[in-house]
Amino acid sequence: MSNLPAKTHHVSFLRRHWKPAAITGAGGAAVVVWFDEVVMFGEEILALIFLPLLAGVIYLFDNFVFKSHLPRREDLNKPDRDRNNGK
């Protein structure tokens, strides 16, 4: 047995963890910016798809709710004196 201490091979912290440091550093920022751009592009495409659909829903809602503002056929067939309060 030797009295010499066993050699321990210590690797620096940065050398062991350079990949996570690169990902969370500038590389991570680039990935986040890229992901943000992709999400915003998808959001714009979805807005363009859903805009005509929502306009159609609003148009149908307008027709169903406010259809009562149209004159009825019976009102159109009445004589003019009834429409002008008997004058």
C-alpha atoms as a PDB file:
ATOM      1  CA  MET A   1       0.000   0.000   0.000  1.00  0.00           C
ATOM      2  CA  SER A   2       1.155   3.369  -0.819  1.00  0.00           C
ATOM      3  CA  ASN A   3       0.817   6.379   1.399  1.00  0.00           C
ATOM      4  CA  LEU A   4       0.074   8.637  -1.564  1.00  0.00           C
ATOM      5  CA  PRO A   5      -3.475   9.945  -1.704  1.00  0.00           C
ATOM      6  CA  ALA A   6      -5.624   8.686  -4.537  1.00  0.00           C
ATOM      7  CA  LYS A   7      -5.833  11.076  -7.424  1.00  0.00           C
ATOM      8  CA  THR A   8      -9.263  12.513  -7.826  1.00  0.00           C
ATOM      9  CA  HIS A   9     -10.049  13.891 -11.194  1.00  0.00           C
ATOM     10  CA  HIS A  10     -12.000  17.112 -10.636  1.00  0.00           C
ATOM     11  CA  VAL A  11     -13.534  18.623 -13.699  1.00  0.00           C
ATOM     12  CA  SER A  12     -14.532  22.258 -13.480  1.00  0.00           C
ATOM     13  CA  PHE A  13     -18.148  23.150 -13.016  1.00  0.00           C
ATOM     14  CA  LEU A  14     -18.330  25.055 -16.314  1.00  0.00           C
ATOM     15  CA  ARG A  15     -16.737  22.212 -18.222  1.00  0.00           C
ATOM     16  CA  ARG A  16     -19.293  19.744 -16.878  1.00  0.00           C
ATOM     17  CA  HIS A  17     -22.300  22.007 -17.456  1.00  0.00           C
ATOM     18  CA  TRP A  18     -21.480  23.950 -20.605  1.00  0.00           C
ATOM     19  CA  LYS A  19     -24.453  22.626 -22.560  1.00  0.00           C
ATOM     20  CA  PRO A  20     -27.127  23.732 -20.068  1.00  0.00           C
ATOM     21  CA  ALA A  21     -25.268  27.035 -19.693  1.00  0.00           C
ATOM     22  CA  ALA A  22     -25.337  27.543 -23.461  1.00  0.00           C
ATOM     23  CA  ILE A  23     -29.014  26.633 -23.632  1.00  0.00           C
ATOM     24  CA  THR A  24     -30.010  29.014 -20.854  1.00  0.00           C
ATOM     25  CA  GLY A  25     -27.637  31.699 -22.105  1.00  0.00           C
ATOM     26  CA  ALA A  26     -27.659  33.160 -25.596  1.00  0.00           C
ATOM     27  CA  GLY A  27     -28.782  29.919 -27.207  1.00  0.00           C
ATOM     28  CA  GLY A  28     -31.778  29.740 -24.894  1.00  0.00           C
ATOM     29  CA  ALA A  29     -32.736  33.302 -25.748  1.00  0.00           C
ATOM     30  CA  ALA A  30     -32.571  32.500 -29.452  1.00  0.00           C
ATOM     31  CA  VAL A  31     -34.802  29.463 -28.960  1.00  0.00           C
ATOM     32  CA  VAL A  32     -37.297  31.486 -26.928  1.00  0.00           C
ATOM     33  CA  VAL A  33     -37.404  34.269 -29.538  1.00  0.00           C
ATOM     34  CA  TRP A  34     -37.846  31.721 -32.320  1.00  0.00           C
ATOM     35  CA  PHE A  35     -40.628  29.966 -30.406  1.00  0.00           C
ATOM     36  CA  ASP A  36     -42.314  33.311 -29.751  1.00  0.00           C
ATOM     37  CA  GLU A  37     -42.218  34.166 -33.462  1.00  0.00           C
ATOM     38  CA  VAL A  38     -43.748  30.799 -34.375  1.00  0.00           C
ATOM     39  CA  VAL A  39     -46.510  31.252 -31.791  1.00  0.00           C
ATOM     40  CA  MET A  40     -47.285  34.780 -33.010  1.00  0.00           C
ATOM     41  CA  PHE A  41     -47.408  33.572 -36.634  1.00  0.00           C
ATOM     42  CA  GLY A  42     -49.827  30.818 -35.636  1.00  0.00           C
ATOM     43  CA  GLU A  43     -51.933  33.320 -33.724  1.00  0.00           C
ATOM     44  CA  GLU A  44     -52.194  35.555 -36.780  1.00  0.00           C
ATOM     45  CA  ILE A  45     -53.160  32.636 -39.015  1.00  0.00           C
ATOM     46  CA  LEU A  46     -55.836  31.531 -36.533  1.00  0.00           C
ATOM     47  CA  ALA A  47     -57.170  35.089 -36.391  1.00  0.00           C
ATOM     48  CA  LEU A  48     -57.464  35.166 -40.169  1.00  0.00           C
ATOM     49  CA  ILE A  49     -59.271  31.817 -40.134  1.00  0.00           C
ATOM     50  CA  PHE A  50     -61.688  32.674 -37.340  1.00  0.00           C
ATOM     51  CA  LEU A  51     -62.492  36.236 -38.431  1.00  0.00           C
ATOM     52  CA  PRO A  52     -64.892  35.204 -41.249  1.00  0.00           C
ATOM     53  CA  LEU A  53     -66.390  32.500 -39.036  1.00  0.00           C
ATOM     54  CA  LEU A  54     -67.123  34.971 -36.248  1.00  0.00           C
ATOM     55  CA  ALA A  55     -68.497  37.473 -38.751  1.00  0.00           C
ATOM     56  CA  GLY A  56     -70.877  34.772 -40.003  1.00  0.00           C
ATOM     57  CA  VAL A  57     -72.017  33.990 -36.471  1.00  0.00           C
ATOM     58  CA  ILE A  58     -72.660  37.677 -35.779  1.00  0.00           C
ATOM     59  CA  TYR A  59     -74.560  38.002 -39.069  1.00  0.00           C
ATOM     60  CA  LEU A  60     -76.794  35.023 -38.219  1.00  0.00           C
ATOM     61  CA  PHE A  61     -77.358  36.383 -34.709  1.00  0.00           C
ATOM     62  CA  ASP A  62     -78.359  39.725 -36.209  1.00  0.00           C
ATOM     63  CA  ASN A  63     -80.831  38.064 -38.568  1.00  0.00           C
ATOM     64  CA  PHE A  64     -82.459  35.937 -35.875  1.00  0.00           C
ATOM     65  CA  VAL A  65     -82.662  38.574 -33.156  1.00  0.00           C
ATOM     66  CA  PHE A  66     -83.597  41.634 -35.187  1.00  0.00           C
ATOM     67  CA  LYS A  67     -85.903  39.988 -37.728  1.00  0.00           C
ATOM     68  CA  SER A  68     -88.875  41.515 -35.885  1.00  0.00           C
ATOM     69  CA  HIS A  69     -87.979  44.987 -37.169  1.00  0.00           C
ATOM     70  CA  LEU A  70     -89.159  43.978 -40.653  1.00  0.00           C
ATOM     71  CA  PRO A  71     -92.795  44.798 -41.428  1.00  0.00           C
ATOM     72  CA  ARG A  72     -95.211  41.896 -41.460  1.00  0.00           C
ATOM     73  CA  ARG A  73     -97.121  40.969 -44.579  1.00  0.00           C
ATOM     74  CA  GLU A  74    -100.435  41.902 -42.883  1.00  0.00           C
ATOM     75  CA  ASP A  75     -99.117  45.384 -42.136  1.00  0.00           C
ATOM     76  CA  LEU A  76     -98.158  45.917 -45.765  1.00  0.00           C
ATOM     77  CA  ASN A  77    -101.611  44.864 -47.054  1.00  0.00           C
ATOM     78  CA  LYS A  78    -103.578  47.346 -44.894  1.00  0.00           C
ATOM     79  CA  PRO A  79    -105.091  50.349 -46.641  1.00  0.00           C
ATOM     80  CA  ASP A  80    -103.325  53.693 -46.430  1.00  0.00           C
ATOM     81  CA  ARG A  81    -105.956  55.288 -44.181  1.00  0.00           C
ATOM     82  CA  ASP A  82    -105.203  52.770 -41.432  1.00  0.00           C
ATOM     83  CA  ARG A  83    -101.521  53.522 -41.682  1.00  0.00           C
ATOM     84  CA  ASN A  84    -102.068  57.303 -41.476  1.00  0.00           C
ATOM     85  CA  ASN A  85    -104.288  57.168 -38.376  1.00  0.00           C
ATOM     86  CA  GLY A  86    -107.516  57.551 -40.353  1.00  0.00           C
ATOM     87  CA  LYS A  87    -106.631  60.766 -42.148  1.00  0.00           C
END
